[in-house]
Amino acid sequence: PRLAPRYYTISSSPSLDRTTLHLTVKVLREPFRDAPHRTKLGVCSTQLEAAAAGRSVVAFVRRSSFRLPRDGATPVVMVGPGTGIAPFRAFLQEMRV
């Protein structure tokens, strides 16, 4: 069977640097539920972990519909179920620019 794509949330702002993209990834390495003596490894996360620092990797970026309010004084409530800290890191970078 073909592997499904692995989607990660970008954790950097293109306004800060248009040539670099940052990901915040949890490396999946945990025991199988029914076989605790075996280790489940993330297909993509373990490859990213093994990549040398500064090395380029092949990826694609899906267009996002997320936009911050034009008025910087508008309150924003951010909830990231399942996304972790990645979008919050990018948001903070965007606010600095």
C-alpha atoms as a PDB file:
ATOM      1  CA  PRO A   1       0.000   0.000   0.000  1.00  0.00           C
ATOM      2  CA  ARG A   2       1.063   3.563  -0.679  1.00  0.00           C
ATOM      3  CA  LEU A   3       2.021   5.692   2.283  1.00  0.00           C
ATOM      4  CA  ALA A   4      -0.239   8.642   2.992  1.00  0.00           C
ATOM      5  CA  PRO A   5       1.396  12.071   3.088  1.00  0.00           C
ATOM      6  CA  ARG A   6       2.501  13.322   6.490  1.00  0.00           C
ATOM      7  CA  TYR A   7       1.204  16.819   7.200  1.00  0.00           C
ATOM      8  CA  TYR A   8       2.974  19.065   9.670  1.00  0.00           C
ATOM      9  CA  THR A   9       2.087  22.562  10.817  1.00  0.00           C
ATOM     10  CA  ILE A  10       4.629  25.191   9.808  1.00  0.00           C
ATOM     11  CA  SER A  11       6.153  26.822  12.869  1.00  0.00           C
ATOM     12  CA  SER A  12       7.789  29.837  11.238  1.00  0.00           C
ATOM     13  CA  SER A  13       6.552  33.021   9.629  1.00  0.00           C
ATOM     14  CA  PRO A  14       7.324  33.721   5.952  1.00  0.00           C
ATOM     15  CA  SER A  15       7.346  37.423   6.876  1.00  0.00           C
ATOM     16  CA  LEU A  16      10.464  36.762   8.948  1.00  0.00           C
ATOM     17  CA  ASP A  17      12.295  34.699   6.280  1.00  0.00           C
ATOM     18  CA  ARG A  18      10.782  33.718   2.926  1.00  0.00           C
ATOM     19  CA  THR A  19      13.601  31.281   2.118  1.00  0.00           C
ATOM     20  CA  THR A  20      13.350  29.051   5.188  1.00  0.00           C
ATOM     21  CA  LEU A  21      10.534  26.979   6.609  1.00  0.00           C
ATOM     22  CA  HIS A  22      10.601  25.588  10.161  1.00  0.00           C
ATOM     23  CA  LEU A  23       8.694  22.565  11.428  1.00  0.00           C
ATOM     24  CA  THR A  24       8.130  21.524  15.025  1.00  0.00           C
ATOM     25  CA  VAL A  25       7.972  17.728  15.000  1.00  0.00           C
ATOM     26  CA  LYS A  26       7.578  15.152  17.751  1.00  0.00           C
ATOM     27  CA  VAL A  27       9.615  12.109  16.791  1.00  0.00           C
ATOM     28  CA  LEU A  28       7.385   9.051  17.073  1.00  0.00           C
ATOM     29  CA  ARG A  29       9.210   6.310  18.921  1.00  0.00           C
ATOM     30  CA  GLU A  30       6.990   4.378  21.318  1.00  0.00           C
ATOM     31  CA  PRO A  31       6.094   0.797  22.237  1.00  0.00           C
ATOM     32  CA  PHE A  32       3.253  -0.884  20.387  1.00  0.00           C
ATOM     33  CA  ARG A  33       0.171  -1.178  22.578  1.00  0.00           C
ATOM     34  CA  ASP A  34      -0.254  -4.924  22.027  1.00  0.00           C
ATOM     35  CA  ALA A  35       3.471  -5.691  21.806  1.00  0.00           C
ATOM     36  CA  PRO A  36       5.366  -3.473  24.263  1.00  0.00           C
ATOM     37  CA  HIS A  37       8.671  -5.192  23.430  1.00  0.00           C
ATOM     38  CA  ARG A  38       8.430  -3.779  19.856  1.00  0.00           C
ATOM     39  CA  THR A  39       8.924  -0.116  19.004  1.00  0.00           C
ATOM     40  CA  LYS A  40       6.696   1.873  16.663  1.00  0.00           C
ATOM     41  CA  LEU A  41       8.740   4.371  14.625  1.00  0.00           C
ATOM     42  CA  GLY A  42       7.313   7.371  12.806  1.00  0.00           C
ATOM     43  CA  VAL A  43       7.871   7.034   9.062  1.00  0.00           C
ATOM     44  CA  CYS A  44       8.614  10.698   8.458  1.00  0.00           C
ATOM     45  CA  SER A  45       9.551  12.013  11.904  1.00  0.00           C
ATOM     46  CA  THR A  46      12.435   9.566  12.317  1.00  0.00           C
ATOM     47  CA  GLN A  47      13.775  10.469   8.856  1.00  0.00           C
ATOM     48  CA  LEU A  48      13.620  14.163   9.719  1.00  0.00           C
ATOM     49  CA  GLU A  49      15.414  13.436  12.997  1.00  0.00           C
ATOM     50  CA  ALA A  50      18.186  11.591  11.128  1.00  0.00           C
ATOM     51  CA  ALA A  51      18.696  14.423   8.612  1.00  0.00           C
ATOM     52  CA  ALA A  52      21.819  16.479   9.220  1.00  0.00           C
ATOM     53  CA  ALA A  53      21.268  20.001  10.575  1.00  0.00           C
ATOM     54  CA  GLY A  54      20.914  22.487   7.734  1.00  0.00           C
ATOM     55  CA  ARG A  55      20.174  19.792   5.178  1.00  0.00           C
ATOM     56  CA  SER A  56      17.365  20.450   2.698  1.00  0.00           C
ATOM     57  CA  VAL A  57      14.505  17.978   2.432  1.00  0.00           C
ATOM     58  CA  VAL A  58      11.901  17.560  -0.305  1.00  0.00           C
ATOM     59  CA  ALA A  59       8.472  18.763   0.792  1.00  0.00           C
ATOM     60  CA  PHE A  60       5.356  20.509  -0.427  1.00  0.00           C
ATOM     61  CA  VAL A  61       3.319  23.233   1.231  1.00  0.00           C
ATOM     62  CA  ARG A  62      -0.475  23.321   1.244  1.00  0.00           C
ATOM     63  CA  ARG A  63      -2.104  26.733   1.069  1.00  0.00           C
ATOM     64  CA  SER A  64      -3.586  27.885   4.371  1.00  0.00           C
ATOM     65  CA  SER A  65      -6.755  29.870   4.894  1.00  0.00           C
ATOM     66  CA  PHE A  66      -5.571  31.162   8.286  1.00  0.00           C
ATOM     67  CA  ARG A  67      -5.213  34.952   8.404  1.00  0.00           C
ATOM     68  CA  LEU A  68      -4.614  37.301  11.299  1.00  0.00           C
ATOM     69  CA  PRO A  69      -6.940  40.308  11.654  1.00  0.00           C
ATOM     70  CA  ARG A  70      -5.725  43.396   9.794  1.00  0.00           C
ATOM     71  CA  ASP A  71      -6.093  45.462  12.967  1.00  0.00           C
ATOM     72  CA  GLY A  72      -3.274  44.381  15.311  1.00  0.00           C
ATOM     73  CA  ALA A  73      -5.335  45.534  18.299  1.00  0.00           C
ATOM     74  CA  THR A  74      -8.017  42.908  17.615  1.00  0.00           C
ATOM     75  CA  PRO A  75      -7.939  40.199  20.305  1.00  0.00           C
ATOM     76  CA  VAL A  76      -7.088  36.725  19.028  1.00  0.00           C
ATOM     77  CA  VAL A  77      -7.892  33.454  20.778  1.00  0.00           C
ATOM     78  CA  MET A  78      -5.847  30.580  19.425  1.00  0.00           C
ATOM     79  CA  VAL A  79      -6.706  26.938  20.029  1.00  0.00           C
ATOM     80  CA  GLY A  80      -4.471  24.250  18.581  1.00  0.00           C
ATOM     81  CA  PRO A  81      -5.972  20.823  19.170  1.00  0.00           C
ATOM     82  CA  GLY A  82      -3.512  18.364  17.713  1.00  0.00           C
ATOM     83  CA  THR A  83      -1.153  21.029  16.323  1.00  0.00           C
ATOM     84  CA  GLY A  84       0.904  21.598  19.448  1.00  0.00           C
ATOM     85  CA  ILE A  85       3.011  24.750  19.680  1.00  0.00           C
ATOM     86  CA  ALA A  86       3.842  25.100  15.965  1.00  0.00           C
ATOM     87  CA  PRO A  87       1.190  27.661  14.947  1.00  0.00           C
ATOM     88  CA  PHE A  88       1.777  29.659  18.135  1.00  0.00           C
ATOM     89  CA  ARG A  89       5.507  29.929  17.366  1.00  0.00           C
ATOM     90  CA  ALA A  90       4.741  31.157  13.838  1.00  0.00           C
ATOM     91  CA  PHE A  91       2.161  33.608  15.227  1.00  0.00           C
ATOM     92  CA  LEU A  92       4.714  35.103  17.641  1.00  0.00           C
ATOM     93  CA  GLN A  93       7.233  35.502  14.823  1.00  0.00           C
ATOM     94  CA  GLU A  94       4.578  37.181  12.665  1.00  0.00           C
ATOM     95  CA  MET A  95       3.755  39.629  15.461  1.00  0.00           C
ATOM     96  CA  ARG A  96       7.455  40.620  15.718  1.00  0.00           C
ATOM     97  CA  VAL A  97       7.678  41.631  12.055  1.00  0.00           C
END
